Amino acid sequence: MTQWDYAVYVIDDVNDIFREQLQNLGNDGWELVSVVSGAMAGGKPRLVVFLKRPRR
């Protein structure tokens, strides 16, 4: 059975940071599990991203 490592990231600046992270997603073994919207941060939407990858 595969064991997983999990990571949670809070992204405050959706336009800049999320675009950069999406371009690199999967290159390091992380898989996107879920993205949910959270509270506003300084008038901008905040996202919470859940990732997983096989334990090494």
PDB file of N, CA and C in Angstrom:
ATOM      1  N   MET A   1       0.836  -1.166   0.000  1.00  0.00           N
ATOM      2  CA  MET A   1       0.000   0.000   0.000  1.00  0.00           C
ATOM      3  C   MET A   1       0.895   1.248   0.000  1.00  0.00           C
ATOM      4  N   THR A   2       0.528   2.218  -0.791  1.00  0.00           N
ATOM      5  CA  THR A   2       1.295   3.459  -0.874  1.00  0.00           C
ATOM      6  C   THR A   2       1.040   4.319   0.350  1.00  0.00           C
ATOM      7  N   GLN A   3       2.122   4.828   0.928  1.00  0.00           N
ATOM      8  CA  GLN A   3       1.996   5.795   2.011  1.00  0.00           C
ATOM      9  C   GLN A   3       2.261   7.177   1.422  1.00  0.00           C
ATOM     10  N   TRP A   4       1.570   8.190   1.959  1.00  0.00           N
ATOM     11  CA  TRP A   4       1.609   9.518   1.379  1.00  0.00           C
ATOM     12  C   TRP A   4       2.143  10.550   2.354  1.00  0.00           C
ATOM     13  N   ASP A   5       2.839  11.540   1.813  1.00  0.00           N
ATOM     14  CA  ASP A   5       3.156  12.772   2.532  1.00  0.00           C
ATOM     15  C   ASP A   5       2.131  13.800   2.085  1.00  0.00           C
ATOM     16  N   TYR A   6       1.701  14.648   3.010  1.00  0.00           N
ATOM     17  CA  TYR A   6       0.694  15.662   2.699  1.00  0.00           C
ATOM     18  C   TYR A   6       1.244  17.045   3.010  1.00  0.00           C
ATOM     19  N   ALA A   7       0.769  18.037   2.276  1.00  0.00           N
ATOM     20  CA  ALA A   7       1.155  19.420   2.515  1.00  0.00           C
ATOM     21  C   ALA A   7      -0.067  20.303   2.313  1.00  0.00           C
ATOM     22  N   VAL A   8      -0.127  21.363   3.092  1.00  0.00           N
ATOM     23  CA  VAL A   8      -1.195  22.355   2.983  1.00  0.00           C
ATOM     24  C   VAL A   8      -0.533  23.714   2.809  1.00  0.00           C
ATOM     25  N   TYR A   9      -0.978  24.456   1.794  1.00  0.00           N
ATOM     26  CA  TYR A   9      -0.448  25.785   1.535  1.00  0.00           C
ATOM     27  C   TYR A   9      -1.598  26.783   1.518  1.00  0.00           C
ATOM     28  N   VAL A  10      -1.382  27.909   2.159  1.00  0.00           N
ATOM     29  CA  VAL A  10      -2.329  29.019   2.095  1.00  0.00           C
ATOM     30  C   VAL A  10      -1.749  30.036   1.128  1.00  0.00           C
ATOM     31  N   ILE A  11      -2.522  30.380   0.115  1.00  0.00           N
ATOM     32  CA  ILE A  11      -2.051  31.295  -0.922  1.00  0.00           C
ATOM     33  C   ILE A  11      -2.858  32.582  -0.808  1.00  0.00           C
ATOM     34  N   ASP A  12      -2.154  33.668  -0.464  1.00  0.00           N
ATOM     35  CA  ASP A  12      -2.815  34.960  -0.291  1.00  0.00           C
ATOM     36  C   ASP A  12      -2.912  35.747  -1.590  1.00  0.00           C
ATOM     37  N   ASP A  13      -1.865  35.741  -2.401  1.00  0.00           N
ATOM     38  CA  ASP A  13      -1.852  36.502  -3.643  1.00  0.00           C
ATOM     39  C   ASP A  13      -2.108  35.545  -4.798  1.00  0.00           C
ATOM     40  N   VAL A  14      -3.364  35.301  -5.069  1.00  0.00           N
ATOM     41  CA  VAL A  14      -3.778  34.271  -6.017  1.00  0.00           C
ATOM     42  C   VAL A  14      -3.215  34.515  -7.413  1.00  0.00           C
ATOM     43  N   ASN A  15      -3.236  35.727  -7.868  1.00  0.00           N
ATOM     44  CA  ASN A  15      -2.857  36.011  -9.257  1.00  0.00           C
ATOM     45  C   ASN A  15      -1.402  35.689  -9.547  1.00  0.00           C
ATOM     46  N   ASP A  16      -0.494  36.087  -8.681  1.00  0.00           N
ATOM     47  CA  ASP A  16       0.928  35.907  -8.967  1.00  0.00           C
ATOM     48  C   ASP A  16       1.459  34.562  -8.505  1.00  0.00           C
ATOM     49  N   ILE A  17       1.270  34.247  -7.244  1.00  0.00           N
ATOM     50  CA  ILE A  17       1.878  33.054  -6.669  1.00  0.00           C
ATOM     51  C   ILE A  17       1.246  31.778  -7.214  1.00  0.00           C
ATOM     52  N   PHE A  18      -0.070  31.750  -7.306  1.00  0.00           N
ATOM     53  CA  PHE A  18      -0.745  30.532  -7.744  1.00  0.00           C
ATOM     54  C   PHE A  18      -0.370  30.182  -9.181  1.00  0.00           C
ATOM     55  N   ARG A  19      -0.249  31.183 -10.033  1.00  0.00           N
ATOM     56  CA  ARG A  19       0.134  30.939 -11.430  1.00  0.00           C
ATOM     57  C   ARG A  19       1.513  30.290 -11.482  1.00  0.00           C
ATOM     58  N   GLU A  20       2.448  30.809 -10.701  1.00  0.00           N
ATOM     59  CA  GLU A  20       3.805  30.252 -10.680  1.00  0.00           C
ATOM     60  C   GLU A  20       3.807  28.828 -10.139  1.00  0.00           C
ATOM     61  N   GLN A  21       3.051  28.582  -9.078  1.00  0.00           N
ATOM     62  CA  GLN A  21       3.021  27.244  -8.495  1.00  0.00           C
ATOM     63  C   GLN A  21       2.352  26.245  -9.423  1.00  0.00           C
ATOM     64  N   LEU A  22       1.325  26.662 -10.148  1.00  0.00           N
ATOM     65  CA  LEU A  22       0.668  25.751 -11.083  1.00  0.00           C
ATOM     66  C   LEU A  22       1.613  25.337 -12.208  1.00  0.00           C
ATOM     67  N   GLN A  23       2.495  26.229 -12.629  1.00  0.00           N
ATOM     68  CA  GLN A  23       3.431  25.898 -13.699  1.00  0.00           C
ATOM     69  C   GLN A  23       4.396  24.804 -13.255  1.00  0.00           C
ATOM     70  N   ASN A  24       4.712  24.743 -11.966  1.00  0.00           N
ATOM     71  CA  ASN A  24       5.666  23.767 -11.451  1.00  0.00           C
ATOM     72  C   ASN A  24       5.004  22.541 -10.834  1.00  0.00           C
ATOM     73  N   LEU A  25       3.688  22.527 -10.753  1.00  0.00           N
ATOM     74  CA  LEU A  25       2.969  21.439 -10.098  1.00  0.00           C
ATOM     75  C   LEU A  25       3.244  20.114 -10.796  1.00  0.00           C
ATOM     76  N   GLY A  26       3.594  19.108 -10.029  1.00  0.00           N
ATOM     77  CA  GLY A  26       3.841  17.782 -10.567  1.00  0.00           C
ATOM     78  C   GLY A  26       5.300  17.504 -10.876  1.00  0.00           C
ATOM     79  N   ASN A  27       6.097  18.529 -11.084  1.00  0.00           N
ATOM     80  CA  ASN A  27       7.505  18.333 -11.397  1.00  0.00           C
ATOM     81  C   ASN A  27       8.280  17.746 -10.230  1.00  0.00           C
ATOM     82  N   ASP A  28       7.809  17.995  -9.007  1.00  0.00           N
ATOM     83  CA  ASP A  28       8.505  17.509  -7.814  1.00  0.00           C
ATOM     84  C   ASP A  28       7.769  16.346  -7.144  1.00  0.00           C
ATOM     85  N   GLY A  29       6.788  15.764  -7.822  1.00  0.00           N
ATOM     86  CA  GLY A  29       6.082  14.606  -7.299  1.00  0.00           C
ATOM     87  C   GLY A  29       4.803  14.919  -6.546  1.00  0.00           C
ATOM     88  N   TRP A  30       4.528  16.195  -6.266  1.00  0.00           N
ATOM     89  CA  TRP A  30       3.311  16.565  -5.554  1.00  0.00           C
ATOM     90  C   TRP A  30       2.115  16.502  -6.494  1.00  0.00           C
ATOM     91  N   GLU A  31       0.992  16.002  -5.979  1.00  0.00           N
ATOM     92  CA  GLU A  31      -0.260  15.945  -6.728  1.00  0.00           C
ATOM     93  C   GLU A  31      -1.279  16.824  -6.031  1.00  0.00           C
ATOM     94  N   LEU A  32      -2.069  17.538  -6.810  1.00  0.00           N
ATOM     95  CA  LEU A  32      -3.119  18.382  -6.263  1.00  0.00           C
ATOM     96  C   LEU A  32      -4.278  17.516  -5.794  1.00  0.00           C
ATOM     97  N   VAL A  33      -4.668  17.685  -4.524  1.00  0.00           N
ATOM     98  CA  VAL A  33      -5.794  16.947  -3.968  1.00  0.00           C
ATOM     99  C   VAL A  33      -7.045  17.805  -4.002  1.00  0.00           C
ATOM    100  N   SER A  34      -6.912  19.056  -3.513  1.00  0.00           N
ATOM    101  CA  SER A  34      -8.075  19.927  -3.425  1.00  0.00           C
ATOM    102  C   SER A  34      -7.641  21.376  -3.297  1.00  0.00           C
ATOM    103  N   VAL A  35      -8.498  22.277  -3.763  1.00  0.00           N
ATOM    104  CA  VAL A  35      -8.319  23.712  -3.571  1.00  0.00           C
ATOM    105  C   VAL A  35      -9.630  24.252  -3.045  1.00  0.00           C
ATOM    106  N   VAL A  36      -9.574  24.970  -1.931  1.00  0.00           N
ATOM    107  CA  VAL A  36     -10.785  25.569  -1.367  1.00  0.00           C
ATOM    108  C   VAL A  36     -10.534  27.046  -1.117  1.00  0.00           C
ATOM    109  N   SER A  37     -11.586  27.830  -1.235  1.00  0.00           N
ATOM    110  CA  SER A  37     -11.444  29.253  -0.961  1.00  0.00           C
ATOM    111  C   SER A  37     -11.570  29.485   0.536  1.00  0.00           C
ATOM    112  N   GLY A  38     -10.788  30.442   1.022  1.00  0.00           N
ATOM    113  CA  GLY A  38     -10.793  30.765   2.440  1.00  0.00           C
ATOM    114  C   GLY A  38     -11.193  32.208   2.643  1.00  0.00           C
ATOM    115  N   ALA A  39     -10.856  32.744   3.787  1.00  0.00           N
ATOM    116  CA  ALA A  39     -11.190  34.123   4.128  1.00  0.00           C
ATOM    117  C   ALA A  39     -10.401  35.083   3.239  1.00  0.00           C
ATOM    118  N   MET A  40     -10.893  36.292   3.139  1.00  0.00           N
ATOM    119  CA  MET A  40     -10.213  37.331   2.378  1.00  0.00           C
ATOM    120  C   MET A  40      -8.960  37.771   3.120  1.00  0.00           C
ATOM    121  N   ALA A  41      -7.926  38.109   2.377  1.00  0.00           N
ATOM    122  CA  ALA A  41      -6.674  38.602   2.956  1.00  0.00           C
ATOM    123  C   ALA A  41      -6.344  39.934   2.305  1.00  0.00           C
ATOM    124  N   GLY A  42      -6.548  41.015   3.015  1.00  0.00           N
ATOM    125  CA  GLY A  42      -6.259  42.330   2.451  1.00  0.00           C
ATOM    126  C   GLY A  42      -7.110  42.652   1.239  1.00  0.00           C
ATOM    127  N   GLY A  43      -8.350  42.187   1.229  1.00  0.00           N
ATOM    128  CA  GLY A  43      -9.247  42.445   0.109  1.00  0.00           C
ATOM    129  C   GLY A  43      -9.088  41.500  -1.056  1.00  0.00           C
ATOM    130  N   LYS A  44      -8.152  40.570  -0.962  1.00  0.00           N
ATOM    131  CA  LYS A  44      -7.933  39.589  -2.036  1.00  0.00           C
ATOM    132  C   LYS A  44      -8.392  38.215  -1.558  1.00  0.00           C
ATOM    133  N   PRO A  45      -8.861  37.385  -2.489  1.00  0.00           N
ATOM    134  CA  PRO A  45      -9.263  36.036  -2.080  1.00  0.00           C
ATOM    135  C   PRO A  45      -8.060  35.209  -1.637  1.00  0.00           C
ATOM    136  N   ARG A  46      -8.278  34.350  -0.685  1.00  0.00           N
ATOM    137  CA  ARG A  46      -7.236  33.462  -0.177  1.00  0.00           C
ATOM    138  C   ARG A  46      -7.638  32.033  -0.535  1.00  0.00           C
ATOM    139  N   LEU A  47      -6.686  31.256  -0.995  1.00  0.00           N
ATOM    140  CA  LEU A  47      -6.937  29.855  -1.317  1.00  0.00           C
ATOM    141  C   LEU A  47      -6.142  28.961  -0.390  1.00  0.00           C
ATOM    142  N   VAL A  48      -6.717  27.802  -0.078  1.00  0.00           N
ATOM    143  CA  VAL A  48      -6.021  26.782   0.683  1.00  0.00           C
ATOM    144  C   VAL A  48      -5.861  25.586  -0.249  1.00  0.00           C
ATOM    145  N   VAL A  49      -4.610  25.162  -0.456  1.00  0.00           N
ATOM    146  CA  VAL A  49      -4.296  24.105  -1.412  1.00  0.00           C
ATOM    147  C   VAL A  49      -3.789  22.884  -0.647  1.00  0.00           C
ATOM    148  N   PHE A  50      -4.349  21.733  -0.947  1.00  0.00           N
ATOM    149  CA  PHE A  50      -3.945  20.466  -0.315  1.00  0.00           C
ATOM    150  C   PHE A  50      -3.243  19.616  -1.365  1.00  0.00           C
ATOM    151  N   LEU A  51      -2.043  19.148  -1.029  1.00  0.00           N
ATOM    152  CA  LEU A  51      -1.218  18.345  -1.943  1.00  0.00           C
ATOM    153  C   LEU A  51      -0.821  17.036  -1.300  1.00  0.00           C
ATOM    154  N   LYS A  52      -0.468  16.057  -2.118  1.00  0.00           N
ATOM    155  CA  LYS A  52       0.069  14.785  -1.607  1.00  0.00           C
ATOM    156  C   LYS A  52       1.118  14.280  -2.586  1.00  0.00           C
ATOM    157  N   ARG A  53       2.035  13.434  -2.056  1.00  0.00           N
ATOM    158  CA  ARG A  53       3.005  12.749  -2.904  1.00  0.00           C
ATOM    159  C   ARG A  53       3.374  11.440  -2.221  1.00  0.00           C
ATOM    160  N   PRO A  54       3.789  10.452  -2.997  1.00  0.00           N
ATOM    161  CA  PRO A  54       4.193   9.190  -2.392  1.00  0.00           C
ATOM    162  C   PRO A  54       5.370   9.408  -1.434  1.00  0.00           C
ATOM    163  N   ARG A  55       5.311   8.767  -0.283  1.00  0.00           N
ATOM    164  CA  ARG A  55       6.392   8.888   0.709  1.00  0.00           C
ATOM    165  C   ARG A  55       7.634   8.244   0.134  1.00  0.00           C
ATOM    166  N   ARG A  56       8.771   8.888   0.340  1.00  0.00           N
ATOM    167  CA  ARG A  56      10.048   8.377  -0.186  1.00  0.00           C
ATOM    168  C   ARG A  56      10.831   7.675   0.877  1.00  0.00           C
TER     169      ARG A  56
END
